[in-house]
Amino acid sequence: MGYQKLEQLLAAINRVIVGKEEQIQLLVAALLARGHVLLEDLPGMGKTMLAKTLAQAIGGEFRRIQFTADLLPSDVVGLHYFNPRTSEFELRRGPVFADVLLADEINRATPRTQSGLLECMEERQATIEGVTLPLPPAFFVIATQNPIESEGTYPLPEAQLDRFLFRLSLGYGSRAEAREVLRRFRSVSPLEQVEPVLGIEEISAMQQEVKAVHVSEAVEDYVIDLVEATRQHKAVEVGLSPRAMLALVRSSQAIAYLKGRSYVLPDDVKRVVPALFAHRIVLTMEAELHVAENEVVAEILQSVPTPVEEGVQ
């Protein structure tokens, strides 16, 4: 396992991003699980800095797309254009052909353009005017959106939200963390000092090793119980899909791998549930007036019995 290399990766990111250890670990776990992340937070909270730091620390190519209402699918995936010098059509690859893609303010683009990312995120390929091309093996999307501003936005449909493994929020942080940010960025940005600690080939190898992390029958039952609880909860209109259930297993394997273990514990499952469930469940119209998705997820976690650890190794 690459436990020590992953510890170096986390340390490199933490030298730039202050006080967000849990979010950083979940971000790296999403990368290992071959998932994608939706960062839902206010402007200026460090979302772009986090994406750039991750890309630099793994030695990957970073590309950023600023989503706007006039953005076209061809601006995302690419197009064939006529070259007057050669009198032939040539392929111009879009910014999705990168290792780490930041889809900034994704909900400002039209549904047509948003859907241009669906094939890329799910199939890891892009179709440009009938020609299908593979994306880089470690292709990782970090999308952002502002949770409170709705003017001029197009909310992501459930089908697209389901493509994001986790929905995370960085938040403001404590007073001590604010002071550390002031001091850390006072002269030179620490991002400029980040050196690659992993290569893309190593990340790809780790992604394969994550699939081999053992999941016991007891943990499988626990996963199924949690997913079924979302479908049976009185406040939930639409529960988790089979794709989300598979995502729960894979992300739990990634957390175990990140901790240097070859097997999944129930605590690994519990750790990823809030970031994985809340953006996937759809509450009833009546429930929306009284509770939030994260409160319902907390109730589900509390109501489903946790298996004993003796039977999960």
C-alpha atoms as a PDB file:
ATOM      1  CA  MET A   1       0.000   0.000   0.000  1.00  0.00           C
ATOM      2  CA  GLY A   2       1.023   3.604  -0.523  1.00  0.00           C
ATOM      3  CA  TYR A   3       0.142   4.723   3.006  1.00  0.00           C
ATOM      4  CA  GLN A   4       3.314   6.769   3.538  1.00  0.00           C
ATOM      5  CA  LYS A   5       3.019   8.470   0.147  1.00  0.00           C
ATOM      6  CA  LEU A   6      -0.591   9.396   0.934  1.00  0.00           C
ATOM      7  CA  GLU A   7       0.487  10.829   4.279  1.00  0.00           C
ATOM      8  CA  GLN A   8       2.975  13.007   2.387  1.00  0.00           C
ATOM      9  CA  LEU A   9       0.216  14.064  -0.027  1.00  0.00           C
ATOM     10  CA  LEU A  10      -2.098  15.081   2.820  1.00  0.00           C
ATOM     11  CA  ALA A  11       0.738  16.949   4.539  1.00  0.00           C
ATOM     12  CA  ALA A  12       1.566  18.844   1.333  1.00  0.00           C
ATOM     13  CA  ILE A  13      -2.051  19.983   0.930  1.00  0.00           C
ATOM     14  CA  ASN A  14      -2.336  20.906   4.610  1.00  0.00           C
ATOM     15  CA  ARG A  15       0.698  23.165   4.273  1.00  0.00           C
ATOM     16  CA  VAL A  16      -1.396  25.336   1.941  1.00  0.00           C
ATOM     17  CA  ILE A  17      -4.985  24.866   3.166  1.00  0.00           C
ATOM     18  CA  VAL A  18      -5.481  25.766   6.839  1.00  0.00           C
ATOM     19  CA  GLY A  19      -7.610  23.730   9.234  1.00  0.00           C
ATOM     20  CA  LYS A  20      -9.572  21.579   6.765  1.00  0.00           C
ATOM     21  CA  GLU A  21      -8.036  18.169   7.478  1.00  0.00           C
ATOM     22  CA  GLU A  22     -11.328  16.244   7.276  1.00  0.00           C
ATOM     23  CA  GLN A  23     -12.385  17.812   3.965  1.00  0.00           C
ATOM     24  CA  ILE A  24      -8.911  17.225   2.518  1.00  0.00           C
ATOM     25  CA  GLN A  25      -8.958  13.561   3.516  1.00  0.00           C
ATOM     26  CA  LEU A  26     -12.391  13.089   1.939  1.00  0.00           C
ATOM     27  CA  LEU A  27     -11.190  14.861  -1.217  1.00  0.00           C
ATOM     28  CA  VAL A  28      -8.211  12.502  -1.520  1.00  0.00           C
ATOM     29  CA  ALA A  29     -10.473   9.527  -0.750  1.00  0.00           C
ATOM     30  CA  ALA A  30     -12.759  10.600  -3.606  1.00  0.00           C
ATOM     31  CA  LEU A  31      -9.743  10.684  -5.935  1.00  0.00           C
ATOM     32  CA  LEU A  32      -8.710   7.186  -4.832  1.00  0.00           C
ATOM     33  CA  ALA A  33     -12.281   5.934  -5.316  1.00  0.00           C
ATOM     34  CA  ARG A  34     -12.372   7.377  -8.863  1.00  0.00           C
ATOM     35  CA  GLY A  35     -15.195   9.699  -7.863  1.00  0.00           C
ATOM     36  CA  HIS A  36     -15.776  13.437  -8.219  1.00  0.00           C
ATOM     37  CA  VAL A  37     -16.473  16.169  -5.662  1.00  0.00           C
ATOM     38  CA  LEU A  38     -18.939  19.057  -5.474  1.00  0.00           C
ATOM     39  CA  LEU A  39     -17.663  21.905  -3.271  1.00  0.00           C
ATOM     40  CA  GLU A  40     -20.661  23.934  -2.143  1.00  0.00           C
ATOM     41  CA  ASP A  41     -19.514  27.089  -0.408  1.00  0.00           C
ATOM     42  CA  LEU A  42     -19.431  30.865  -0.475  1.00  0.00           C
ATOM     43  CA  PRO A  43     -16.960  32.694  -2.754  1.00  0.00           C
ATOM     44  CA  GLY A  44     -13.442  33.183  -1.436  1.00  0.00           C
ATOM     45  CA  MET A  45     -13.354  30.125   0.824  1.00  0.00           C
ATOM     46  CA  GLY A  46     -10.337  28.509  -0.863  1.00  0.00           C
ATOM     47  CA  LYS A  47     -12.035  26.109  -3.284  1.00  0.00           C
ATOM     48  CA  THR A  48      -9.826  27.003  -6.253  1.00  0.00           C
ATOM     49  CA  MET A  49      -6.716  26.977  -4.070  1.00  0.00           C
ATOM     50  CA  LEU A  50      -7.590  23.488  -2.841  1.00  0.00           C
ATOM     51  CA  ALA A  51      -8.037  22.151  -6.387  1.00  0.00           C
ATOM     52  CA  LYS A  52      -4.767  23.721  -7.584  1.00  0.00           C
ATOM     53  CA  THR A  53      -2.864  22.377  -4.573  1.00  0.00           C
ATOM     54  CA  LEU A  54      -4.113  18.830  -5.136  1.00  0.00           C
ATOM     55  CA  ALA A  55      -3.197  18.931  -8.830  1.00  0.00           C
ATOM     56  CA  GLN A  56       0.279  20.278  -8.076  1.00  0.00           C
ATOM     57  CA  ALA A  57       0.901  17.719  -5.311  1.00  0.00           C
ATOM     58  CA  ILE A  58       0.130  14.785  -7.632  1.00  0.00           C
ATOM     59  CA  GLY A  59       2.036  16.263 -10.560  1.00  0.00           C
ATOM     60  CA  GLY A  60      -1.129  16.466 -12.640  1.00  0.00           C
ATOM     61  CA  GLU A  61      -2.329  18.890 -15.283  1.00  0.00           C
ATOM     62  CA  PHE A  62      -4.826  21.395 -13.871  1.00  0.00           C
ATOM     63  CA  ARG A  63      -7.501  23.085 -15.977  1.00  0.00           C
ATOM     64  CA  ARG A  64     -10.265  25.464 -14.910  1.00  0.00           C
ATOM     65  CA  ILE A  65     -13.587  26.225 -16.592  1.00  0.00           C
ATOM     66  CA  GLN A  66     -15.573  29.266 -15.495  1.00  0.00           C
ATOM     67  CA  PHE A  67     -19.158  28.191 -16.120  1.00  0.00           C
ATOM     68  CA  THR A  68     -21.406  30.963 -17.444  1.00  0.00           C
ATOM     69  CA  ALA A  69     -24.813  31.095 -19.109  1.00  0.00           C
ATOM     70  CA  ASP A  70     -23.284  31.445 -22.593  1.00  0.00           C
ATOM     71  CA  LEU A  71     -20.848  28.526 -22.221  1.00  0.00           C
ATOM     72  CA  LEU A  72     -21.379  25.823 -24.863  1.00  0.00           C
ATOM     73  CA  PRO A  73     -20.722  22.062 -24.612  1.00  0.00           C
ATOM     74  CA  SER A  74     -17.964  22.471 -27.217  1.00  0.00           C
ATOM     75  CA  ASP A  75     -16.246  24.912 -24.838  1.00  0.00           C
ATOM     76  CA  VAL A  76     -16.031  22.042 -22.359  1.00  0.00           C
ATOM     77  CA  VAL A  77     -15.196  18.947 -24.416  1.00  0.00           C
ATOM     78  CA  GLY A  78     -13.739  20.487 -27.593  1.00  0.00           C
ATOM     79  CA  LEU A  79     -14.611  20.644 -31.290  1.00  0.00           C
ATOM     80  CA  HIS A  80     -13.388  20.078 -34.832  1.00  0.00           C
ATOM     81  CA  TYR A  81     -12.412  23.312 -36.578  1.00  0.00           C
ATOM     82  CA  PHE A  82     -11.409  24.111 -40.138  1.00  0.00           C
ATOM     83  CA  ASN A  83      -7.745  25.025 -40.535  1.00  0.00           C
ATOM     84  CA  PRO A  84      -7.404  27.259 -43.619  1.00  0.00           C
ATOM     85  CA  ARG A  85      -3.660  26.572 -43.798  1.00  0.00           C
ATOM     86  CA  THR A  86      -4.112  22.827 -44.270  1.00  0.00           C
ATOM     87  CA  SER A  87      -7.664  22.988 -45.715  1.00  0.00           C
ATOM     88  CA  GLU A  88      -8.623  20.227 -43.285  1.00  0.00           C
ATOM     89  CA  PHE A  89     -10.693  19.888 -40.138  1.00  0.00           C
ATOM     90  CA  GLU A  90      -8.609  19.452 -36.999  1.00  0.00           C
ATOM     91  CA  LEU A  91      -9.457  18.435 -33.452  1.00  0.00           C
ATOM     92  CA  ARG A  92      -9.202  20.975 -30.668  1.00  0.00           C
ATOM     93  CA  ARG A  93      -9.442  19.242 -27.306  1.00  0.00           C
ATOM     94  CA  GLY A  94     -11.382  21.003 -24.579  1.00  0.00           C
ATOM     95  CA  PRO A  95     -10.286  21.627 -20.990  1.00  0.00           C
ATOM     96  CA  VAL A  96     -11.788  18.311 -19.819  1.00  0.00           C
ATOM     97  CA  PHE A  97      -8.612  16.650 -21.081  1.00  0.00           C
ATOM     98  CA  ALA A  98      -6.827  17.243 -17.797  1.00  0.00           C
ATOM     99  CA  ASP A  99      -5.969  15.313 -14.655  1.00  0.00           C
ATOM    100  CA  VAL A 100      -7.765  17.712 -12.303  1.00  0.00           C
ATOM    101  CA  LEU A 101     -10.612  19.806 -13.711  1.00  0.00           C
ATOM    102  CA  LEU A 102     -12.137  22.666 -11.722  1.00  0.00           C
ATOM    103  CA  ALA A 103     -15.703  23.318 -12.923  1.00  0.00           C
ATOM    104  CA  ASP A 104     -16.191  26.702 -11.266  1.00  0.00           C
ATOM    105  CA  GLU A 105     -19.789  27.772 -10.508  1.00  0.00           C
ATOM    106  CA  ILE A 106     -21.152  24.833 -12.460  1.00  0.00           C
ATOM    107  CA  ASN A 107     -24.763  25.827 -11.764  1.00  0.00           C
ATOM    108  CA  ARG A 108     -24.371  29.031 -13.824  1.00  0.00           C
ATOM    109  CA  ALA A 109     -24.246  27.065 -17.078  1.00  0.00           C
ATOM    110  CA  THR A 110     -27.358  25.888 -18.927  1.00  0.00           C
ATOM    111  CA  PRO A 111     -28.528  22.280 -18.465  1.00  0.00           C
ATOM    112  CA  ARG A 112     -27.285  21.516 -21.996  1.00  0.00           C
ATOM    113  CA  THR A 113     -23.743  22.519 -21.074  1.00  0.00           C
ATOM    114  CA  GLN A 114     -23.932  20.863 -17.652  1.00  0.00           C
ATOM    115  CA  SER A 115     -24.901  17.618 -19.364  1.00  0.00           C
ATOM    116  CA  GLY A 116     -21.723  17.851 -21.437  1.00  0.00           C
ATOM    117  CA  LEU A 117     -19.852  16.808 -18.307  1.00  0.00           C
ATOM    118  CA  LEU A 118     -22.056  13.779 -17.588  1.00  0.00           C
ATOM    119  CA  GLU A 119     -20.389  11.443 -20.076  1.00  0.00           C
ATOM    120  CA  CYS A 120     -16.964  12.697 -19.011  1.00  0.00           C
ATOM    121  CA  MET A 121     -17.624  12.069 -15.320  1.00  0.00           C
ATOM    122  CA  GLU A 122     -19.337   8.703 -15.672  1.00  0.00           C
ATOM    123  CA  GLU A 123     -17.637   7.109 -18.679  1.00  0.00           C
ATOM    124  CA  ARG A 124     -14.287   8.953 -18.483  1.00  0.00           C
ATOM    125  CA  GLN A 125     -14.484   9.743 -22.146  1.00  0.00           C
ATOM    126  CA  ALA A 126     -15.555  12.671 -24.318  1.00  0.00           C
ATOM    127  CA  THR A 127     -17.459  12.502 -27.598  1.00  0.00           C
ATOM    128  CA  ILE A 128     -16.622  15.328 -29.973  1.00  0.00           C
ATOM    129  CA  GLU A 129     -18.837  15.415 -33.063  1.00  0.00           C
ATOM    130  CA  GLY A 130     -19.124  11.644 -33.176  1.00  0.00           C
ATOM    131  CA  VAL A 131     -15.504  10.905 -32.237  1.00  0.00           C
ATOM    132  CA  THR A 132     -15.072   9.336 -28.766  1.00  0.00           C
ATOM    133  CA  LEU A 133     -11.769   9.952 -26.999  1.00  0.00           C
ATOM    134  CA  PRO A 134     -10.583   8.616 -23.613  1.00  0.00           C
ATOM    135  CA  LEU A 135      -9.846  11.090 -20.848  1.00  0.00           C
ATOM    136  CA  PRO A 136      -6.689  10.907 -18.695  1.00  0.00           C
ATOM    137  CA  PRO A 137      -6.743   7.819 -16.421  1.00  0.00           C
ATOM    138  CA  ALA A 138      -6.875   9.809 -13.163  1.00  0.00           C
ATOM    139  CA  PHE A 139      -9.470  12.325 -14.460  1.00  0.00           C
ATOM    140  CA  PHE A 140     -10.934  14.078 -11.406  1.00  0.00           C
ATOM    141  CA  VAL A 141     -13.621  16.775 -11.382  1.00  0.00           C
ATOM    142  CA  ILE A 142     -13.968  19.312  -8.581  1.00  0.00           C
ATOM    143  CA  ALA A 143     -17.075  21.404  -9.213  1.00  0.00           C
ATOM    144  CA  THR A 144     -18.131  24.431  -7.171  1.00  0.00           C
ATOM    145  CA  GLN A 145     -21.378  26.239  -6.580  1.00  0.00           C
ATOM    146  CA  ASN A 146     -22.656  29.002  -4.305  1.00  0.00           C
ATOM    147  CA  PRO A 147     -25.319  27.572  -1.956  1.00  0.00           C
ATOM    148  CA  ILE A 148     -27.172  30.853  -1.360  1.00  0.00           C
ATOM    149  CA  GLU A 149     -27.121  32.714  -4.682  1.00  0.00           C
ATOM    150  CA  SER A 150     -29.881  31.543  -7.032  1.00  0.00           C
ATOM    151  CA  GLU A 151     -30.240  34.438  -9.503  1.00  0.00           C
ATOM    152  CA  GLY A 152     -28.985  33.455 -12.947  1.00  0.00           C
ATOM    153  CA  THR A 153     -28.328  29.841 -11.956  1.00  0.00           C
ATOM    154  CA  TYR A 154     -29.598  26.454 -13.148  1.00  0.00           C
ATOM    155  CA  PRO A 155     -29.825  24.013 -10.212  1.00  0.00           C
ATOM    156  CA  LEU A 156     -28.132  20.688 -10.850  1.00  0.00           C
ATOM    157  CA  PRO A 157     -30.676  17.902 -11.495  1.00  0.00           C
ATOM    158  CA  GLU A 158     -30.648  14.775  -9.337  1.00  0.00           C
ATOM    159  CA  ALA A 159     -29.128  12.740 -12.183  1.00  0.00           C
ATOM    160  CA  GLN A 160     -26.065  14.984 -12.229  1.00  0.00           C
ATOM    161  CA  LEU A 161     -25.796  15.330  -8.454  1.00  0.00           C
ATOM    162  CA  ASP A 162     -25.645  11.529  -8.304  1.00  0.00           C
ATOM    163  CA  ARG A 163     -22.433  11.674 -10.369  1.00  0.00           C
ATOM    164  CA  PHE A 164     -20.653  13.477  -7.548  1.00  0.00           C
ATOM    165  CA  LEU A 165     -19.283  11.077  -4.967  1.00  0.00           C
ATOM    166  CA  PHE A 166     -19.165  13.704  -2.201  1.00  0.00           C
ATOM    167  CA  ARG A 167     -20.589  17.132  -1.539  1.00  0.00           C
ATOM    168  CA  LEU A 168     -18.256  19.050   0.757  1.00  0.00           C
ATOM    169  CA  SER A 169     -18.114  22.490   2.340  1.00  0.00           C
ATOM    170  CA  LEU A 170     -14.971  24.187   3.639  1.00  0.00           C
ATOM    171  CA  GLY A 171     -16.600  26.744   5.938  1.00  0.00           C
ATOM    172  CA  TYR A 172     -15.098  29.770   7.667  1.00  0.00           C
ATOM    173  CA  GLY A 173     -12.849  28.138  10.266  1.00  0.00           C
ATOM    174  CA  SER A 174     -11.870  29.273  13.757  1.00  0.00           C
ATOM    175  CA  ARG A 175     -10.223  32.519  14.851  1.00  0.00           C
ATOM    176  CA  ALA A 176      -6.894  30.734  15.296  1.00  0.00           C
ATOM    177  CA  GLU A 177      -7.146  29.346  11.772  1.00  0.00           C
ATOM    178  CA  ALA A 178      -7.923  32.824  10.431  1.00  0.00           C
ATOM    179  CA  ARG A 179      -4.744  34.134  12.067  1.00  0.00           C
ATOM    180  CA  GLU A 180      -2.752  31.271  10.549  1.00  0.00           C
ATOM    181  CA  VAL A 181      -4.143  32.125   7.083  1.00  0.00           C
ATOM    182  CA  LEU A 182      -3.007  35.746   7.527  1.00  0.00           C
ATOM    183  CA  ARG A 183       0.496  34.689   8.501  1.00  0.00           C
ATOM    184  CA  ARG A 184       0.862  31.869   5.989  1.00  0.00           C
ATOM    185  CA  PHE A 185      -0.115  33.998   2.978  1.00  0.00           C
ATOM    186  CA  ARG A 186       1.445  37.274   4.146  1.00  0.00           C
ATOM    187  CA  SER A 187       4.497  37.239   1.884  1.00  0.00           C
ATOM    188  CA  VAL A 188       4.643  34.294  -0.532  1.00  0.00           C
ATOM    189  CA  SER A 189       1.810  31.926  -1.396  1.00  0.00           C
ATOM    190  CA  PRO A 190       2.643  28.446  -0.037  1.00  0.00           C
ATOM    191  CA  LEU A 191       1.150  27.013  -3.239  1.00  0.00           C
ATOM    192  CA  GLU A 192       4.305  28.096  -5.065  1.00  0.00           C
ATOM    193  CA  GLN A 193       6.359  25.840  -2.792  1.00  0.00           C
ATOM    194  CA  VAL A 194       4.297  22.672  -3.300  1.00  0.00           C
ATOM    195  CA  GLU A 195       6.317  19.905  -4.952  1.00  0.00           C
ATOM    196  CA  PRO A 196       4.781  16.735  -6.448  1.00  0.00           C
ATOM    197  CA  VAL A 197       4.836  13.901  -3.928  1.00  0.00           C
ATOM    198  CA  LEU A 198       2.975  11.413  -6.118  1.00  0.00           C
ATOM    199  CA  GLY A 199       2.739  10.760  -9.835  1.00  0.00           C
ATOM    200  CA  ILE A 200      -0.348  10.126 -11.934  1.00  0.00           C
ATOM    201  CA  GLU A 201       0.826   6.540 -12.527  1.00  0.00           C
ATOM    202  CA  GLU A 202       1.036   5.994  -8.761  1.00  0.00           C
ATOM    203  CA  ILE A 203      -2.462   7.408  -8.294  1.00  0.00           C
ATOM    204  CA  SER A 204      -3.799   5.056 -10.982  1.00  0.00           C
ATOM    205  CA  ALA A 205      -2.124   2.096  -9.274  1.00  0.00           C
ATOM    206  CA  MET A 206      -3.590   3.089  -5.907  1.00  0.00           C
ATOM    207  CA  GLN A 207      -7.053   3.363  -7.447  1.00  0.00           C
ATOM    208  CA  GLN A 208      -6.742  -0.273  -8.488  1.00  0.00           C
ATOM    209  CA  GLU A 209      -5.489  -1.308  -5.037  1.00  0.00           C
ATOM    210  CA  VAL A 210      -8.492   0.376  -3.393  1.00  0.00           C
ATOM    211  CA  LYS A 211     -10.767  -2.080  -5.207  1.00  0.00           C
ATOM    212  CA  ALA A 212      -8.983  -4.960  -3.431  1.00  0.00           C
ATOM    213  CA  VAL A 213      -9.689  -3.637   0.099  1.00  0.00           C
ATOM    214  CA  HIS A 214     -11.746  -6.318   1.846  1.00  0.00           C
ATOM    215  CA  VAL A 215     -15.430  -5.695   2.561  1.00  0.00           C
ATOM    216  CA  SER A 216     -16.930  -8.267   4.921  1.00  0.00           C
ATOM    217  CA  GLU A 217     -20.475  -9.579   4.717  1.00  0.00           C
ATOM    218  CA  ALA A 218     -21.309  -7.708   7.926  1.00  0.00           C
ATOM    219  CA  VAL A 219     -20.209  -4.406   6.380  1.00  0.00           C
ATOM    220  CA  GLU A 220     -22.129  -5.247   3.193  1.00  0.00           C
ATOM    221  CA  ASP A 221     -25.264  -5.765   5.286  1.00  0.00           C
ATOM    222  CA  TYR A 222     -24.615  -2.453   7.046  1.00  0.00           C
ATOM    223  CA  VAL A 223     -24.323  -0.641   3.712  1.00  0.00           C
ATOM    224  CA  ILE A 224     -27.552  -2.215   2.445  1.00  0.00           C
ATOM    225  CA  ASP A 225     -29.364  -1.340   5.696  1.00  0.00           C
ATOM    226  CA  LEU A 226     -28.269   2.310   5.428  1.00  0.00           C
ATOM    227  CA  VAL A 227     -29.355   2.582   1.800  1.00  0.00           C
ATOM    228  CA  GLU A 228     -32.718   0.932   2.492  1.00  0.00           C
ATOM    229  CA  ALA A 229     -33.233   3.267   5.449  1.00  0.00           C
ATOM    230  CA  THR A 230     -33.097   6.242   3.055  1.00  0.00           C
ATOM    231  CA  ARG A 231     -35.887   4.677   1.005  1.00  0.00           C
ATOM    232  CA  GLN A 232     -38.071   3.971   4.041  1.00  0.00           C
ATOM    233  CA  HIS A 233     -37.626   7.209   6.005  1.00  0.00           C
ATOM    234  CA  LYS A 234     -40.893   9.135   6.249  1.00  0.00           C
ATOM    235  CA  ALA A 235     -39.241  12.444   5.334  1.00  0.00           C
ATOM    236  CA  VAL A 236     -37.586  11.083   2.179  1.00  0.00           C
ATOM    237  CA  GLU A 237     -39.395  10.972  -1.139  1.00  0.00           C
ATOM    238  CA  VAL A 238     -36.502   9.521  -3.179  1.00  0.00           C
ATOM    239  CA  GLY A 239     -33.825   7.433  -1.491  1.00  0.00           C
ATOM    240  CA  LEU A 240     -30.418   6.273  -2.657  1.00  0.00           C
ATOM    241  CA  SER A 241     -29.913   4.468  -5.965  1.00  0.00           C
ATOM    242  CA  PRO A 242     -27.907   1.266  -6.540  1.00  0.00           C
ATOM    243  CA  ARG A 243     -25.164   3.472  -8.030  1.00  0.00           C
ATOM    244  CA  ALA A 244     -25.022   5.394  -4.751  1.00  0.00           C
ATOM    245  CA  MET A 245     -24.801   2.098  -2.837  1.00  0.00           C
ATOM    246  CA  LEU A 246     -21.788   1.062  -4.905  1.00  0.00           C
ATOM    247  CA  ALA A 247     -20.290   4.512  -4.345  1.00  0.00           C
ATOM    248  CA  LEU A 248     -20.694   4.051  -0.588  1.00  0.00           C
ATOM    249  CA  VAL A 249     -18.722   0.811  -0.689  1.00  0.00           C
ATOM    250  CA  ARG A 250     -15.963   2.208  -2.914  1.00  0.00           C
ATOM    251  CA  SER A 251     -15.526   5.372  -0.859  1.00  0.00           C
ATOM    252  CA  SER A 252     -15.406   3.314   2.366  1.00  0.00           C
ATOM    253  CA  GLN A 253     -12.678   1.199   0.786  1.00  0.00           C
ATOM    254  CA  ALA A 254     -10.790   4.397  -0.092  1.00  0.00           C
ATOM    255  CA  ILE A 255     -11.007   5.668   3.503  1.00  0.00           C
ATOM    256  CA  ALA A 256      -9.696   2.333   4.804  1.00  0.00           C
ATOM    257  CA  TYR A 257      -6.859   2.430   2.252  1.00  0.00           C
ATOM    258  CA  LEU A 258      -6.057   6.002   3.249  1.00  0.00           C
ATOM    259  CA  LYS A 259      -5.692   4.781   6.833  1.00  0.00           C
ATOM    260  CA  GLY A 260      -3.355   1.959   5.797  1.00  0.00           C
ATOM    261  CA  ARG A 261      -5.846  -0.862   6.336  1.00  0.00           C
ATOM    262  CA  SER A 262      -6.703  -3.743   3.998  1.00  0.00           C
ATOM    263  CA  TYR A 263     -10.286  -4.060   5.263  1.00  0.00           C
ATOM    264  CA  VAL A 264     -13.269  -1.757   5.801  1.00  0.00           C
ATOM    265  CA  LEU A 265     -14.618  -0.942   9.267  1.00  0.00           C
ATOM    266  CA  PRO A 266     -18.135   0.313  10.016  1.00  0.00           C
ATOM    267  CA  ASP A 267     -16.564   3.608  11.087  1.00  0.00           C
ATOM    268  CA  ASP A 268     -15.233   4.027   7.535  1.00  0.00           C
ATOM    269  CA  VAL A 269     -18.777   3.750   6.238  1.00  0.00           C
ATOM    270  CA  LYS A 270     -20.102   6.167   8.864  1.00  0.00           C
ATOM    271  CA  ARG A 271     -17.431   8.697   8.018  1.00  0.00           C
ATOM    272  CA  VAL A 272     -18.430   9.040   4.364  1.00  0.00           C
ATOM    273  CA  VAL A 273     -22.220   8.820   4.789  1.00  0.00           C
ATOM    274  CA  PRO A 274     -22.891  12.554   5.460  1.00  0.00           C
ATOM    275  CA  ALA A 275     -20.882  13.707   2.422  1.00  0.00           C
ATOM    276  CA  LEU A 276     -22.364  10.976   0.224  1.00  0.00           C
ATOM    277  CA  PHE A 277     -26.043  10.866   1.270  1.00  0.00           C
ATOM    278  CA  ALA A 278     -27.175  14.459   1.801  1.00  0.00           C
ATOM    279  CA  HIS A 279     -27.082  15.625  -1.830  1.00  0.00           C
ATOM    280  CA  ARG A 280     -28.667  12.420  -3.120  1.00  0.00           C
ATOM    281  CA  ILE A 281     -31.822  12.120  -1.043  1.00  0.00           C
ATOM    282  CA  VAL A 282     -34.928  14.079  -2.044  1.00  0.00           C
ATOM    283  CA  LEU A 283     -37.145  15.183   0.835  1.00  0.00           C
ATOM    284  CA  THR A 284     -40.915  15.340   0.682  1.00  0.00           C
ATOM    285  CA  MET A 285     -42.426  18.798   0.199  1.00  0.00           C
ATOM    286  CA  GLU A 286     -43.719  18.789   3.782  1.00  0.00           C
ATOM    287  CA  ALA A 287     -40.387  17.674   5.256  1.00  0.00           C
ATOM    288  CA  GLU A 288     -38.485  20.413   3.406  1.00  0.00           C
ATOM    289  CA  LEU A 289     -40.274  22.988   5.554  1.00  0.00           C
ATOM    290  CA  HIS A 290     -39.042  21.500   8.829  1.00  0.00           C
ATOM    291  CA  VAL A 291     -35.750  19.606   8.370  1.00  0.00           C
ATOM    292  CA  ALA A 292     -32.600  19.714   6.253  1.00  0.00           C
ATOM    293  CA  GLU A 293     -31.071  16.801   4.377  1.00  0.00           C
ATOM    294  CA  ASN A 294     -28.112  16.532   6.766  1.00  0.00           C
ATOM    295  CA  GLU A 295     -30.474  16.239   9.742  1.00  0.00           C
ATOM    296  CA  VAL A 296     -32.312  13.358   8.076  1.00  0.00           C
ATOM    297  CA  VAL A 297     -29.001  11.655   7.283  1.00  0.00           C
ATOM    298  CA  ALA A 298     -27.962  11.992  10.937  1.00  0.00           C
ATOM    299  CA  GLU A 299     -31.234  10.348  11.990  1.00  0.00           C
ATOM    300  CA  ILE A 300     -30.633   7.478   9.576  1.00  0.00           C
ATOM    301  CA  LEU A 301     -27.101   6.932  10.867  1.00  0.00           C
ATOM    302  CA  GLN A 302     -28.379   6.829  14.430  1.00  0.00           C
ATOM    303  CA  SER A 303     -31.275   4.484  13.665  1.00  0.00           C
ATOM    304  CA  VAL A 304     -29.343   1.775  11.794  1.00  0.00           C
ATOM    305  CA  PRO A 305     -27.488  -0.640  14.124  1.00  0.00           C
ATOM    306  CA  THR A 306     -23.706  -0.746  13.700  1.00  0.00           C
ATOM    307  CA  PRO A 307     -22.167  -4.236  13.246  1.00  0.00           C
ATOM    308  CA  VAL A 308     -19.599  -5.396  15.785  1.00  0.00           C
ATOM    309  CA  GLU A 309     -16.016  -5.072  14.599  1.00  0.00           C
ATOM    310  CA  GLU A 310     -15.145  -8.730  15.263  1.00  0.00           C
ATOM    311  CA  GLY A 311     -17.106  -9.744  12.195  1.00  0.00           C
ATOM    312  CA  VAL A 312     -15.873  -7.171   9.740  1.00  0.00           C
ATOM    313  CA  GLN A 313     -12.203  -8.106   9.196  1.00  0.00           C
END
